[in-house]
Amino acid sequence: MPDAQKMNGFCEDVIDMVDHIRQEIAVVDFWPAGKHKIINWIINEVDDLDLIPFEKRGKVADPFTDLAKAIQTWLVAS
């Protein structure tokens, strides 16, 4: 189990990622053309921040992007 400092850092990184995604998807007509852009950004960001094990990095982008699309109205409004 990660220590409190590492967990806090992880949470801050994820919050920063959500903020970035919120800005990206706020653009009118972002979907579907922007989906690949955001998937690539998520993979690169997760890699740069070393948030999850290497073998799982590619698997996290699609569900994260699907979630962002599903809750886009809420994300952009908040």
N, C-alpha and C. Protein backbone atom coordinates (compact mmCIF):
# COMPACT_ATOMS: atom_id res chain seq x y z
N MET A 1 0.85 -1.18 0.00
CA MET A 1 0.00 0.00 0.00
C MET A 1 0.90 1.24 0.00
N PRO A 2 0.57 2.23 -0.87
CA PRO A 2 1.39 3.44 -0.92
C PRO A 2 1.26 4.27 0.35
N ASP A 3 2.31 5.02 0.64
CA ASP A 3 2.25 5.88 1.82
C ASP A 3 1.39 7.11 1.52
N ALA A 4 1.08 7.87 2.56
CA ALA A 4 0.17 9.01 2.44
C ALA A 4 0.70 10.06 1.47
N GLN A 5 1.99 10.31 1.49
CA GLN A 5 2.57 11.33 0.61
C GLN A 5 2.43 10.91 -0.86
N LYS A 6 2.71 9.65 -1.15
CA LYS A 6 2.59 9.16 -2.52
C LYS A 6 1.12 9.19 -2.97
N MET A 7 0.22 8.81 -2.09
CA MET A 7 -1.21 8.82 -2.43
C MET A 7 -1.70 10.24 -2.68
N ASN A 8 -1.25 11.20 -1.87
CA ASN A 8 -1.63 12.59 -2.08
C ASN A 8 -1.13 13.08 -3.44
N GLY A 9 0.10 12.73 -3.78
CA GLY A 9 0.66 13.11 -5.08
C GLY A 9 -0.13 12.50 -6.22
N PHE A 10 -0.50 11.23 -6.08
CA PHE A 10 -1.30 10.55 -7.09
C PHE A 10 -2.64 11.27 -7.28
N CYS A 11 -3.30 11.59 -6.18
CA CYS A 11 -4.60 12.28 -6.24
C CYS A 11 -4.47 13.64 -6.90
N GLU A 12 -3.43 14.38 -6.57
CA GLU A 12 -3.21 15.69 -7.19
C GLU A 12 -2.99 15.56 -8.69
N ASP A 13 -2.23 14.55 -9.10
CA ASP A 13 -1.98 14.33 -10.52
C ASP A 13 -3.28 13.99 -11.25
N VAL A 14 -4.11 13.15 -10.67
CA VAL A 14 -5.37 12.77 -11.30
C VAL A 14 -6.30 13.99 -11.39
N ILE A 15 -6.34 14.81 -10.37
CA ILE A 15 -7.15 16.03 -10.40
C ILE A 15 -6.68 16.95 -11.52
N ASP A 16 -5.37 17.09 -11.68
CA ASP A 16 -4.82 17.91 -12.76
C ASP A 16 -5.22 17.34 -14.12
N MET A 17 -5.20 16.01 -14.25
CA MET A 17 -5.60 15.38 -15.50
C MET A 17 -7.07 15.64 -15.80
N VAL A 18 -7.92 15.51 -14.80
CA VAL A 18 -9.35 15.77 -14.99
C VAL A 18 -9.58 17.22 -15.39
N ASP A 19 -8.86 18.15 -14.78
CA ASP A 19 -8.99 19.56 -15.15
C ASP A 19 -8.61 19.79 -16.61
N HIS A 20 -7.54 19.15 -17.05
CA HIS A 20 -7.11 19.28 -18.44
C HIS A 20 -8.17 18.70 -19.38
N ILE A 21 -8.67 17.51 -19.04
CA ILE A 21 -9.69 16.87 -19.87
C ILE A 21 -10.94 17.73 -19.91
N ARG A 22 -11.31 18.32 -18.81
CA ARG A 22 -12.49 19.20 -18.74
C ARG A 22 -12.33 20.35 -19.74
N GLN A 23 -11.16 20.95 -19.80
CA GLN A 23 -10.92 22.05 -20.73
C GLN A 23 -11.00 21.58 -22.17
N GLU A 24 -10.42 20.42 -22.44
CA GLU A 24 -10.42 19.89 -23.81
C GLU A 24 -11.84 19.60 -24.30
N ILE A 25 -12.64 18.92 -23.48
CA ILE A 25 -13.96 18.49 -23.94
C ILE A 25 -14.99 19.62 -23.92
N ALA A 26 -14.62 20.77 -23.37
CA ALA A 26 -15.53 21.92 -23.38
C ALA A 26 -15.62 22.55 -24.76
N VAL A 27 -14.70 22.21 -25.64
CA VAL A 27 -14.70 22.75 -26.99
C VAL A 27 -15.92 22.20 -27.74
N VAL A 28 -16.63 23.08 -28.42
CA VAL A 28 -17.81 22.68 -29.19
C VAL A 28 -17.40 21.64 -30.23
N ASP A 29 -18.19 20.59 -30.34
CA ASP A 29 -17.96 19.50 -31.30
C ASP A 29 -16.63 18.77 -31.07
N PHE A 30 -16.22 18.66 -29.81
CA PHE A 30 -14.98 17.95 -29.49
C PHE A 30 -15.03 16.50 -29.94
N TRP A 31 -16.17 15.84 -29.68
CA TRP A 31 -16.32 14.42 -30.02
C TRP A 31 -16.80 14.30 -31.46
N PRO A 32 -16.47 13.27 -32.20
CA PRO A 32 -15.55 12.19 -31.92
C PRO A 32 -14.11 12.48 -32.32
N ALA A 33 -13.91 13.55 -33.10
CA ALA A 33 -12.56 13.82 -33.62
C ALA A 33 -11.52 13.98 -32.52
N GLY A 34 -11.90 14.56 -31.40
CA GLY A 34 -10.95 14.81 -30.32
C GLY A 34 -10.64 13.60 -29.46
N LYS A 35 -11.39 12.52 -29.65
CA LYS A 35 -11.20 11.34 -28.79
C LYS A 35 -9.78 10.81 -28.87
N HIS A 36 -9.25 10.68 -30.07
CA HIS A 36 -7.89 10.13 -30.22
C HIS A 36 -6.85 11.07 -29.61
N LYS A 37 -7.09 12.36 -29.74
CA LYS A 37 -6.17 13.34 -29.15
C LYS A 37 -6.12 13.17 -27.64
N ILE A 38 -7.27 13.04 -27.01
CA ILE A 38 -7.31 12.93 -25.55
C ILE A 38 -6.79 11.57 -25.08
N ILE A 39 -7.05 10.51 -25.86
CA ILE A 39 -6.50 9.20 -25.50
C ILE A 39 -4.98 9.25 -25.51
N ASN A 40 -4.41 9.81 -26.56
CA ASN A 40 -2.94 9.92 -26.62
C ASN A 40 -2.40 10.78 -25.49
N TRP A 41 -3.11 11.86 -25.18
CA TRP A 41 -2.65 12.73 -24.08
C TRP A 41 -2.68 11.97 -22.76
N ILE A 42 -3.74 11.21 -22.51
CA ILE A 42 -3.85 10.45 -21.26
C ILE A 42 -2.71 9.44 -21.15
N ILE A 43 -2.47 8.69 -22.23
CA ILE A 43 -1.39 7.70 -22.20
C ILE A 43 -0.05 8.37 -21.91
N ASN A 44 0.23 9.48 -22.58
CA ASN A 44 1.49 10.19 -22.35
C ASN A 44 1.59 10.75 -20.94
N GLU A 45 0.49 11.30 -20.45
CA GLU A 45 0.50 11.89 -19.11
C GLU A 45 0.70 10.82 -18.04
N VAL A 46 -0.01 9.71 -18.17
CA VAL A 46 0.13 8.61 -17.22
C VAL A 46 1.56 8.08 -17.25
N ASP A 47 2.14 8.02 -18.45
CA ASP A 47 3.52 7.57 -18.59
C ASP A 47 4.49 8.57 -17.96
N ASP A 48 4.34 9.84 -18.30
CA ASP A 48 5.24 10.88 -17.77
C ASP A 48 5.19 10.94 -16.25
N LEU A 49 4.00 10.79 -15.68
CA LEU A 49 3.84 10.88 -14.23
C LEU A 49 4.09 9.55 -13.53
N ASP A 50 4.24 8.49 -14.31
CA ASP A 50 4.48 7.14 -13.77
C ASP A 50 3.40 6.78 -12.74
N LEU A 51 2.14 6.99 -13.13
CA LEU A 51 1.02 6.79 -12.21
C LEU A 51 0.64 5.33 -12.01
N ILE A 52 0.75 4.55 -13.07
CA ILE A 52 0.38 3.13 -12.97
C ILE A 52 1.45 2.29 -13.66
N PRO A 53 1.46 0.98 -13.38
CA PRO A 53 2.46 0.11 -14.01
C PRO A 53 2.40 0.19 -15.54
N PHE A 54 3.54 0.06 -16.16
CA PHE A 54 3.68 0.20 -17.61
C PHE A 54 2.67 -0.64 -18.38
N GLU A 55 2.51 -1.89 -17.99
CA GLU A 55 1.65 -2.81 -18.75
C GLU A 55 0.17 -2.43 -18.71
N LYS A 56 -0.22 -1.55 -17.82
CA LYS A 56 -1.63 -1.14 -17.71
C LYS A 56 -1.90 0.24 -18.30
N ARG A 57 -0.88 0.92 -18.75
CA ARG A 57 -1.04 2.31 -19.20
C ARG A 57 -1.95 2.46 -20.40
N GLY A 58 -1.82 1.57 -21.37
CA GLY A 58 -2.67 1.65 -22.55
C GLY A 58 -4.11 1.30 -22.27
N LYS A 59 -4.35 0.51 -21.25
CA LYS A 59 -5.70 0.05 -20.93
C LYS A 59 -6.52 1.10 -20.19
N VAL A 60 -5.90 2.10 -19.62
CA VAL A 60 -6.62 3.08 -18.81
C VAL A 60 -7.22 4.21 -19.66
N ALA A 61 -6.63 4.49 -20.81
CA ALA A 61 -7.05 5.65 -21.59
C ALA A 61 -8.47 5.52 -22.15
N ASP A 62 -8.81 4.37 -22.72
CA ASP A 62 -10.15 4.22 -23.31
C ASP A 62 -11.26 4.35 -22.28
N PRO A 63 -11.21 3.62 -21.15
CA PRO A 63 -12.29 3.78 -20.16
C PRO A 63 -12.35 5.20 -19.58
N PHE A 64 -11.19 5.83 -19.37
CA PHE A 64 -11.15 7.18 -18.84
C PHE A 64 -11.82 8.15 -19.82
N THR A 65 -11.54 7.96 -21.11
CA THR A 65 -12.14 8.81 -22.15
C THR A 65 -13.64 8.55 -22.26
N ASP A 66 -14.04 7.28 -22.21
CA ASP A 66 -15.47 6.95 -22.26
C ASP A 66 -16.21 7.57 -21.08
N LEU A 67 -15.60 7.55 -19.91
CA LEU A 67 -16.21 8.17 -18.74
C LEU A 67 -16.33 9.68 -18.94
N ALA A 68 -15.29 10.31 -19.46
CA ALA A 68 -15.33 11.75 -19.71
C ALA A 68 -16.47 12.11 -20.66
N LYS A 69 -16.65 11.29 -21.69
CA LYS A 69 -17.73 11.55 -22.64
C LYS A 69 -19.09 11.37 -21.97
N ALA A 70 -19.22 10.34 -21.17
CA ALA A 70 -20.50 10.05 -20.51
C ALA A 70 -20.90 11.15 -19.53
N ILE A 71 -19.94 11.77 -18.88
CA ILE A 71 -20.26 12.80 -17.89
C ILE A 71 -19.81 14.19 -18.35
N GLN A 72 -19.70 14.37 -19.65
CA GLN A 72 -19.21 15.63 -20.21
C GLN A 72 -20.00 16.83 -19.71
N THR A 73 -21.31 16.75 -19.73
CA THR A 73 -22.14 17.88 -19.31
C THR A 73 -21.81 18.28 -17.88
N TRP A 74 -21.70 17.31 -17.01
CA TRP A 74 -21.38 17.58 -15.61
C TRP A 74 -19.96 18.13 -15.46
N LEU A 75 -18.99 17.52 -16.16
CA LEU A 75 -17.61 17.97 -16.05
C LEU A 75 -17.45 19.42 -16.50
N VAL A 76 -18.04 19.74 -17.62
CA VAL A 76 -17.89 21.08 -18.18
C VAL A 76 -18.62 22.12 -17.33
N ALA A 77 -19.73 21.73 -16.74
CA ALA A 77 -20.51 22.66 -15.92
C ALA A 77 -19.88 22.91 -14.55
N SER A 78 -19.06 21.97 -14.08
CA SER A 78 -18.52 22.12 -12.72
C SER A 78 -17.26 22.95 -12.69
